[in-house]
Amino acid sequence: MLIHPTLEQLRLLKLDGMAEAFVDLQEQEATADLSHAEWLGLLVDREVVTRNTRRFQTRMRAARLRHIGAAIEDVDFRTPRKLDRALFQQLATGRWIKDARNLMITGPCGVGKTWLACALGQKACRDNLIVIYQRLPRLFADLDLAHGDGRFPRLFRSLVKADLLILDDWGPDRLNAGQRRDLMEIVEDRHGRGSILITSQLPVTAWHDVIDEPTFADAILDRVRHCARTNGASMAHSTTPIASNWMAIQCAARSRQQKKLTKASRPDIKNHAFAATILR
């Protein structure tokens, strides 16, 4: 039997996986005893695997993760950084992304915040989700240029439509007016529609001061944090929305704290333990 016409037709139909499987099966003597249904099943299985692999590679290229080799299976829980194994395994399921919840990973330099974020991003790509990784300083520079050359609408749409947006290296520099406005637009459009993962050396309690404008800070953090708390000793468990009067108390407390901080001050991060919070 001539197989070349069959292979050409499979490739014309863009069934490359089936074409490769067809050649492999033809070369194996043991497959001579397979029924037609079994042959067809093996061909279809190879095509499915090939297409899934191709989609995963496409999503990984689009994500531009800083650590492309990071994977949740390689996380070392023996490292003394107080990483909660149970919570991280819960995060690895990706349910928080499907529920459009946010995640914050905080801790001092060197504990592997970016690597963990990329590992979760890689798992999301494997789950057929759209992921975008951005370092915040570079993102703000790109947005500033995009405002001038007309690329802003396209760049903004790509940031909003992703299932998971990873914003790496939040702070410690304070945001200017344009950066606050752009961040507010991104957070507002993604609120309830997609997940945001933020990594930072600063504890969440210091983020209000980084935004450096009370009105914007309250609006942005309300959408990102949504009344969640951070456990500085370990990865905190998920929290549910709390009553609005509690939020008012927290806002007042933040305002009092901000008055005590001078614009030249920088939050102390030396003794800040590794922590992460999953948020609604």
Foldseek 3Di string as FASTA:
>chain_A
DDCVVVLVVCVVVVQNQLSVLVVVLVPDPVNVPPDPVVNVVSSVVSSVVVVLVVQLVVLLVQQPQPCSPQAPVPDDPVPPQFEDPVVLVVLLVVVLLVQQWEKEKEAAPPPCPSSSVVNSVSSCSSVVFHHHEDALVVVLVVCVVCVVPVNNVVVLVSLQPGSEYEYEEDDDAADDPSSLVSLLVNLVSSQRPHYYYYYYLDDPLCVLVSPPDLVSSLSNCCRRAVPPDKDQNYADEEDDHDDVVVVVVVSVVSVVVNVVDDNPDTDDRPPGGIYMYIYD
